[in-house]
Every structure is written in structure tokens, then in C-alpha cells.
C-alpha atoms as a PDB file:
ATOM      1  CA  MET A   1     -75.004-108.608  54.701  1.00  0.00           C
ATOM      2  CA  LYS A   2     -73.693-105.567  56.540  1.00  0.00           C
ATOM      3  CA  PHE A   3     -70.265-104.905  57.797  1.00  0.00           C
ATOM      4  CA  GLU A   4     -69.144-102.909  60.726  1.00  0.00           C
ATOM      5  CA  GLU A   5     -67.053-100.107  59.061  1.00  0.00           C
ATOM      6  CA  PRO A   6     -64.045 -98.363  60.615  1.00  0.00           C
ATOM      7  CA  GLU A   7     -64.192 -94.517  61.454  1.00  0.00           C
ATOM      8  CA  GLY A   8     -64.075 -92.595  58.099  1.00  0.00           C
ATOM      9  CA  ALA A   9     -64.987 -95.637  55.900  1.00  0.00           C
ATOM     10  CA  THR A  10     -67.663 -95.490  53.430  1.00  0.00           C
ATOM     11  CA  PRO A  11     -70.801 -97.975  54.106  1.00  0.00           C
ATOM     12  CA  LEU A  12     -71.772-100.111  51.148  1.00  0.00           C
ATOM     13  CA  ASP A  13     -75.327-100.080  49.846  1.00  0.00           C
ATOM     14  CA  PRO A  14     -77.147-103.444  49.653  1.00  0.00           C
ATOM     15  CA  ASP A  15     -77.013-103.165  45.721  1.00  0.00           C
ATOM     16  CA  GLU A  16     -73.339-102.675  45.963  1.00  0.00           C
ATOM     17  CA  MET A  17     -72.832-105.598  48.251  1.00  0.00           C
ATOM     18  CA  VAL A  18     -74.617-107.636  45.304  1.00  0.00           C
ATOM     19  CA  GLY A  19     -71.355-106.966  43.343  1.00  0.00           C
ATOM     20  CA  LEU A  20     -69.249-109.187  45.730  1.00  0.00           C
ATOM     21  CA  LYS A  21     -67.955-112.056  43.757  1.00  0.00           C
ATOM     22  CA  PHE A  22     -67.570-114.272  46.787  1.00  0.00           C
ATOM     23  CA  ASP A  23     -70.726-115.630  48.507  1.00  0.00           C
ATOM     24  CA  HIS A  24     -68.749-117.245  51.448  1.00  0.00           C
ATOM     25  CA  ILE A  25     -67.598-113.727  52.670  1.00  0.00           C
ATOM     26  CA  THR A  26     -69.570-112.814  55.762  1.00  0.00           C
ATOM     27  CA  THR A  27     -67.065-110.544  57.896  1.00  0.00           C
ATOM     28  CA  ARG A  28     -65.356-107.315  57.313  1.00  0.00           C
ATOM     29  CA  GLY A  29     -61.885-109.199  58.095  1.00  0.00           C
ATOM     30  CA  GLU A  30     -62.686-111.796  55.446  1.00  0.00           C
ATOM     31  CA  LEU A  31     -63.215-109.018  52.962  1.00  0.00           C
ATOM     32  CA  ASP A  32     -60.330-107.028  54.224  1.00  0.00           C
ATOM     33  CA  GLU A  33     -58.090-110.148  53.273  1.00  0.00           C
ATOM     34  CA  LEU A  34     -59.690-110.612  49.838  1.00  0.00           C
ATOM     35  CA  GLU A  35     -59.213-106.851  48.978  1.00  0.00           C
ATOM     36  CA  GLN A  36     -55.523-106.853  50.383  1.00  0.00           C
ATOM     37  CA  ALA A  37     -54.681-109.780  48.199  1.00  0.00           C
ATOM     38  CA  ASN A  38     -56.369-108.081  45.228  1.00  0.00           C
ATOM     39  CA  ILE A  39     -54.423-104.684  45.835  1.00  0.00           C
ATOM     40  CA  THR A  40     -51.161-106.635  46.208  1.00  0.00           C
ATOM     41  CA  GLU A  41     -51.852-108.029  42.487  1.00  0.00           C
ATOM     42  CA  GLY A  42     -52.886-104.588  41.347  1.00  0.00           C
ATOM     43  CA  LEU A  43     -49.689-103.092  42.799  1.00  0.00           C
ATOM     44  CA  ARG A  44     -47.557-105.907  40.689  1.00  0.00           C
ATOM     45  CA  TRP A  45     -49.410-104.741  37.683  1.00  0.00           C
ATOM     46  CA  LEU A  46     -48.505-101.184  38.324  1.00  0.00           C
ATOM     47  CA  SER A  47     -44.846-101.960  39.019  1.00  0.00           C
ATOM     48  CA  ARG A  48     -44.739-103.608  35.572  1.00  0.00           C
ATOM     49  CA  ARG A  49     -46.222-100.605  33.747  1.00  0.00           C
ATOM     50  CA  ARG A  50     -43.513 -99.150  31.692  1.00  0.00           C
ATOM     51  CA  SER A  51     -45.313 -96.057  30.064  1.00  0.00           C
ATOM     52  CA  GLY A  52     -48.668 -94.238  29.910  1.00  0.00           C
ATOM     53  CA  ASP A  53     -50.384 -91.125  31.262  1.00  0.00           C
ATOM     54  CA  SER A  54     -51.601 -91.739  34.942  1.00  0.00           C
ATOM     55  CA  LEU A  55     -53.512 -88.139  34.821  1.00  0.00           C
ATOM     56  CA  THR A  56     -56.448 -89.502  32.781  1.00  0.00           C
ATOM     57  CA  ASP A  57     -59.987 -90.913  33.365  1.00  0.00           C
ATOM     58  CA  ASP A  58     -58.824 -94.141  31.841  1.00  0.00           C
ATOM     59  CA  PHE A  59     -56.107 -94.880  34.178  1.00  0.00           C
ATOM     60  CA  VAL A  60     -58.058 -93.639  37.311  1.00  0.00           C
ATOM     61  CA  ARG A  61     -60.720 -96.214  36.379  1.00  0.00           C
ATOM     62  CA  THR A  62     -58.337 -98.883  35.528  1.00  0.00           C
ATOM     63  CA  LEU A  63     -56.124 -98.629  38.532  1.00  0.00           C
ATOM     64  CA  HIS A  64     -59.378 -99.132  40.685  1.00  0.00           C
ATOM     65  CA  LYS A  65     -60.401-102.091  38.548  1.00  0.00           C
ATOM     66  CA  ARG A  66     -56.859-103.597  38.908  1.00  0.00           C
ATOM     67  CA  LEU A  67     -57.033-102.996  42.702  1.00  0.00           C
ATOM     68  CA  PHE A  68     -60.400-104.297  43.503  1.00  0.00           C
ATOM     69  CA  GLY A  69     -61.808-105.964  40.104  1.00  0.00           C
ATOM     70  CA  GLU A  70     -61.137-109.740  41.707  1.00  0.00           C
ATOM     71  CA  VAL A  71     -63.680-108.811  44.501  1.00  0.00           C
ATOM     72  CA  TRP A  72     -66.282-106.627  43.271  1.00  0.00           C
ATOM     73  CA  ASP A  73     -68.072-106.701  39.967  1.00  0.00           C
ATOM     74  CA  TRP A  74     -68.381-102.801  39.815  1.00  0.00           C
ATOM     75  CA  ALA A  75     -64.620-102.044  40.324  1.00  0.00           C
ATOM     76  CA  GLY A  76     -63.601 -99.433  38.150  1.00  0.00           C
ATOM     77  CA  THR A  77     -67.063 -98.076  37.683  1.00  0.00           C
ATOM     78  CA  TYR A  78     -68.067 -94.514  38.981  1.00  0.00           C
ATOM     79  CA  ARG A  79     -70.646 -94.517  41.808  1.00  0.00           C
ATOM     80  CA  LEU A  80     -74.178 -93.805  40.776  1.00  0.00           C
ATOM     81  CA  ARG A  81     -75.408 -93.106  44.397  1.00  0.00           C
ATOM     82  CA  GLU A  82     -74.785 -90.525  46.879  1.00  0.00           C
ATOM     83  CA  LYS A  83     -72.695 -91.319  49.869  1.00  0.00           C
ATOM     84  CA  ASN A  84     -71.826 -90.022  53.398  1.00  0.00           C
ATOM     85  CA  ILE A  85     -69.020 -88.411  51.797  1.00  0.00           C
ATOM     86  CA  GLY A  86     -68.193 -87.376  48.204  1.00  0.00           C
ATOM     87  CA  ILE A  87     -69.661 -85.142  45.520  1.00  0.00           C
ATOM     88  CA  GLU A  88     -73.012 -85.911  43.787  1.00  0.00           C
ATOM     89  CA  PRO A  89     -72.456 -88.947  41.340  1.00  0.00           C
ATOM     90  CA  PHE A  90     -73.342 -86.699  38.327  1.00  0.00           C
ATOM     91  CA  GLN A  91     -70.394 -84.407  39.021  1.00  0.00           C
ATOM     92  CA  ILE A  92     -67.790 -87.103  39.508  1.00  0.00           C
ATOM     93  CA  SER A  93     -66.509 -87.235  35.839  1.00  0.00           C
ATOM     94  CA  MET A  94     -66.286 -83.449  35.261  1.00  0.00           C
ATOM     95  CA  GLN A  95     -64.649 -82.787  38.862  1.00  0.00           C
ATOM     96  CA  LEU A  96     -62.223 -85.601  38.163  1.00  0.00           C
ATOM     97  CA  HIS A  97     -61.356 -84.265  34.879  1.00  0.00           C
ATOM     98  CA  ILE A  98     -60.526 -80.845  36.257  1.00  0.00           C
ATOM     99  CA  LEU A  99     -58.464 -82.353  39.124  1.00  0.00           C
ATOM    100  CA  LEU A 100     -56.395 -84.266  36.562  1.00  0.00           C
ATOM    101  CA  ASP A 101     -55.832 -80.944  34.694  1.00  0.00           C
ATOM    102  CA  ASN A 102     -54.956 -79.147  37.791  1.00  0.00           C
ATOM    103  CA  ALA A 103     -52.530 -81.893  38.752  1.00  0.00           C
ATOM    104  CA  ARG A 104     -51.021 -81.946  35.422  1.00  0.00           C
ATOM    105  CA  SER A 105     -50.532 -78.057  35.615  1.00  0.00           C
ATOM    106  CA  TRP A 106     -49.206 -78.069  39.133  1.00  0.00           C
ATOM    107  CA  ALA A 107     -46.196 -80.471  37.795  1.00  0.00           C
ATOM    108  CA  GLU A 108     -45.677 -78.597  34.745  1.00  0.00           C
ATOM    109  CA  ASN A 109     -45.542 -75.105  36.292  1.00  0.00           C
ATOM    110  CA  GLY A 110     -43.870 -75.946  39.646  1.00  0.00           C
ATOM    111  CA  THR A 111     -46.947 -74.471  41.260  1.00  0.00           C
ATOM    112  CA  PHE A 112     -46.411 -76.414  44.546  1.00  0.00           C
ATOM    113  CA  ASP A 113     -43.640 -78.567  45.717  1.00  0.00           C
ATOM    114  CA  PRO A 114     -43.985 -82.448  44.994  1.00  0.00           C
ATOM    115  CA  LEU A 115     -45.392 -83.103  48.564  1.00  0.00           C
ATOM    116  CA  GLU A 116     -47.880 -80.429  48.524  1.00  0.00           C
ATOM    117  CA  ALA A 117     -49.104 -81.298  45.076  1.00  0.00           C
ATOM    118  CA  GLY A 118     -49.398 -84.811  46.236  1.00  0.00           C
ATOM    119  CA  ALA A 119     -51.164 -83.853  49.461  1.00  0.00           C
ATOM    120  CA  ARG A 120     -53.751 -81.732  47.397  1.00  0.00           C
ATOM    121  CA  PHE A 121     -54.248 -84.222  44.650  1.00  0.00           C
ATOM    122  CA  HIS A 122     -54.966 -86.789  47.149  1.00  0.00           C
ATOM    123  CA  HIS A 123     -57.520 -84.670  49.306  1.00  0.00           C
ATOM    124  CA  ARG A 124     -59.502 -83.727  46.144  1.00  0.00           C
ATOM    125  CA  MET A 125     -59.386 -87.288  44.993  1.00  0.00           C
ATOM    126  CA  VAL A 126     -60.822 -88.472  48.184  1.00  0.00           C
ATOM    127  CA  GLN A 127     -63.360 -85.446  48.385  1.00  0.00           C
ATOM    128  CA  ILE A 128     -64.619 -86.508  44.916  1.00  0.00           C
ATOM    129  CA  HIS A 129     -65.124 -90.159  46.238  1.00  0.00           C
ATOM    130  CA  PRO A 130     -65.415 -91.540  42.546  1.00  0.00           C
ATOM    131  CA  PHE A 131     -66.095 -95.254  43.548  1.00  0.00           C
ATOM    132  CA  PRO A 132     -68.643 -97.045  45.582  1.00  0.00           C
ATOM    133  CA  ASN A 133     -65.759 -98.220  47.825  1.00  0.00           C
ATOM    134  CA  GLY A 134     -62.133 -98.400  48.154  1.00  0.00           C
ATOM    135  CA  ASN A 135     -61.520 -94.576  47.570  1.00  0.00           C
ATOM    136  CA  GLY A 136     -59.089 -94.102  50.090  1.00  0.00           C
ATOM    137  CA  ARG A 137     -56.654 -97.092  49.294  1.00  0.00           C
ATOM    138  CA  HIS A 138     -56.993 -96.128  45.491  1.00  0.00           C
ATOM    139  CA  ALA A 139     -56.325 -92.357  46.130  1.00  0.00           C
ATOM    140  CA  ARG A 140     -53.188 -93.114  48.173  1.00  0.00           C
ATOM    141  CA  ILE A 141     -51.912 -95.361  45.417  1.00  0.00           C
ATOM    142  CA  ALA A 142     -52.907 -92.878  42.661  1.00  0.00           C
ATOM    143  CA  THR A 143     -51.005 -90.204  44.689  1.00  0.00           C
ATOM    144  CA  ASP A 144     -47.877 -92.118  45.074  1.00  0.00           C
ATOM    145  CA  THR A 145     -48.093 -92.918  41.065  1.00  0.00           C
ATOM    146  CA  TYR A 146     -48.673 -89.212  40.519  1.00  0.00           C
ATOM    147  CA  LEU A 147     -45.417 -88.357  42.553  1.00  0.00           C
ATOM    148  CA  SER A 148     -43.481 -90.911  40.808  1.00  0.00           C
ATOM    149  CA  ASP A 149     -44.507 -90.171  37.296  1.00  0.00           C
ATOM    150  CA  CYS A 150     -44.481 -86.522  37.392  1.00  0.00           C
ATOM    151  CA  PHE A 151     -41.982 -85.569  40.078  1.00  0.00           C
ATOM    152  CA  ASP A 152     -39.918 -88.554  40.248  1.00  0.00           C
ATOM    153  CA  HIS A 153     -40.463 -88.438  43.857  1.00  0.00           C
ATOM    154  CA  ALA A 154     -40.590 -91.445  46.375  1.00  0.00           C
ATOM    155  CA  PRO A 155     -43.915 -92.517  47.618  1.00  0.00           C
ATOM    156  CA  ILE A 156     -45.462 -91.309  50.837  1.00  0.00           C
ATOM    157  CA  LYS A 157     -45.076 -93.736  53.565  1.00  0.00           C
ATOM    158  CA  TRP A 158     -48.864 -93.974  54.602  1.00  0.00           C
ATOM    159  CA  ALA A 159     -48.204 -96.164  57.548  1.00  0.00           C
ATOM    160  CA  SER A 160     -49.205 -99.823  57.681  1.00  0.00           C
ATOM    161  CA  GLY A 161     -48.952 -99.959  53.859  1.00  0.00           C
ATOM    162  CA  PHE A 162     -52.006 -98.768  52.133  1.00  0.00           C
ATOM    163  CA  ASP A 163     -54.380-100.075  54.522  1.00  0.00           C
ATOM    164  CA  HIS A 164     -54.750 -97.817  57.803  1.00  0.00           C
ATOM    165  CA  GLN A 165     -57.050 -99.827  59.724  1.00  0.00           C
ATOM    166  CA  SER A 166     -54.065-101.766  61.622  1.00  0.00           C
ATOM    167  CA  ASP A 167     -52.448 -98.317  62.799  1.00  0.00           C
ATOM    168  CA  ASN A 168     -55.173 -96.612  64.710  1.00  0.00           C
ATOM    169  CA  ALA A 169     -53.207 -93.614  65.699  1.00  0.00           C
ATOM    170  CA  ARG A 170     -51.941 -92.785  62.141  1.00  0.00           C
ATOM    171  CA  ARG A 171     -55.396 -93.379  60.684  1.00  0.00           C
ATOM    172  CA  ASP A 172     -56.737 -91.018  63.320  1.00  0.00           C
ATOM    173  CA  ALA A 173     -54.359 -88.374  62.095  1.00  0.00           C
ATOM    174  CA  TYR A 174     -54.908 -89.005  58.457  1.00  0.00           C
ATOM    175  CA  ILE A 175     -58.687 -88.627  59.011  1.00  0.00           C
ATOM    176  CA  ALA A 176     -58.199 -85.442  60.990  1.00  0.00           C
ATOM    177  CA  ALA A 177     -55.837 -84.097  58.444  1.00  0.00           C
ATOM    178  CA  LEU A 178     -58.387 -84.690  55.544  1.00  0.00           C
ATOM    179  CA  ARG A 179     -61.158 -82.964  57.532  1.00  0.00           C
ATOM    180  CA  SER A 180     -59.063 -80.022  58.034  1.00  0.00           C
ATOM    181  CA  ALA A 181     -58.308 -79.839  54.547  1.00  0.00           C
ATOM    182  CA  ASP A 182     -61.997 -80.093  53.710  1.00  0.00           C
ATOM    183  CA  ALA A 183     -62.462 -76.754  55.801  1.00  0.00           C
ATOM    184  CA  GLY A 184     -59.507 -75.346  53.860  1.00  0.00           C
ATOM    185  CA  ASP A 185     -56.600 -75.772  56.250  1.00  0.00           C
ATOM    186  CA  PHE A 186     -54.166 -77.897  54.398  1.00  0.00           C
ATOM    187  CA  ASP A 187     -51.379 -77.645  57.189  1.00  0.00           C
ATOM    188  CA  PRO A 188     -52.174 -80.825  58.932  1.00  0.00           C
ATOM    189  CA  LEU A 189     -52.305 -82.706  55.811  1.00  0.00           C
ATOM    190  CA  LEU A 190     -49.008 -81.214  54.723  1.00  0.00           C
ATOM    191  CA  LYS A 191     -47.186 -82.144  58.013  1.00  0.00           C
ATOM    192  CA  PHE A 192     -48.754 -85.656  57.513  1.00  0.00           C
ATOM    193  CA  VAL A 193     -47.414 -86.209  54.138  1.00  0.00           C
ATOM    194  CA  GLU A 194     -44.023 -84.417  55.058  1.00  0.00           C
ATOM    195  CA  GLY A 195     -43.432 -86.508  58.141  1.00  0.00           C
ATOM    196  CA  SER A 196     -44.210 -89.717  56.371  1.00  0.00           C
ATOM    197  CA  SER A 197     -42.366 -89.164  52.898  1.00  0.00           C
ATOM    198  CA  GLU A 198     -39.834 -91.960  52.353  1.00  0.00           C
ATOM    199  CA  ALA A 199     -37.535 -89.301  50.991  1.00  0.00           C
ATOM    200  CA  GLY A 200     -37.578 -87.346  54.075  1.00  0.00           C
END
């Protein structure tokens, strides 16, 4: 089974498709509906969370499992294969640890204002691309959790919820901003998050 992926999405390998828990799914639209229902449940879990450190490896994996674990067997497990985006699999755990330590330091030392810290956290999480799939949605939700936990800041209004596929113009701007950040220019991503902050 092979789905047509939107621009910027990570194609699933055949062995990852084996992890799909529902045999009747044949289209990307059906898969999107299932994943969105799972994400809604994951967000309910997140809203009930009263304490705990969100800048840990365990939280990053647990969040992904809560968001996608009803759909994919491998949810919450770091990918083992190289993709069209992301660092080499053997580096994921170490690079994620560095990111989480950096994010904690940015908050504790006021290195960046909250939205810039969030933008940089989000970009690096997407760049690492820890999981076989769902990385963008996971990173957006993880970023909003970081902003809330460490800065008491409102979430970013990512447009069309956490799923950009129904908002092509915003999705295109988002992908372009991430690619600019890949090249070292964070201005477009900063403008994106500043222009879509619910606090602003």
C-alpha cells in the first residue's frame, strides 16, 4: 500500500506500513481521519497532565505514542531507517538530548524570548525527525507544551489546528520558513510564529 504524500511530508517505508493497526485503510484521507482522532485523544491526555518534565526523552516518546499509538504499532519508537529528511538514526537519541538540554537552558537563562525559543526548539525537533512519521504534528504540539511549561506562554496558532494539509497557503509558508532555518536564516520562521501567536 502506498499513499500519495503532501509536499514536505515523509513517505512511509513498506515495513512501517506493516505497523498500521487497521487493515481496511486504503487512502491517505482515511489514514488522516484516524490519526486526527488519535491526536484529539492525545491532546485530551495532555490537557489532563498536571505535572512532569516535558524536556525529557521519555516525555518526547510518550507524547508521540499518545498522539499516534492507536494507529501505529511503532508510535513512540525512534526510527531505524534514513529518510528524505532528518539526521541519521543512530544520532537521534544524542541529538535530541542536546536539544532538550539547550531548550531548558534557553528558558532558565532567558537566552531568547519565548517565541524565538519555541521556533528554534520546533525547527530542531523537525530537523532531527525522530520518528518514522507524524514528526511535524508531534513537534508542533511539543513546542506548544514547551512554551506553556517553561514560559507560561500561549500556544502558537499553527493554522488549521495541528494539521496543515487543509490550509495550503499556510503550509507552504511554514515549509518555506523551515527550509530557510535549515540554511541558517531564522527570520521567516520567527515571522511565522510571531504572526500566528495567539498571544499576539
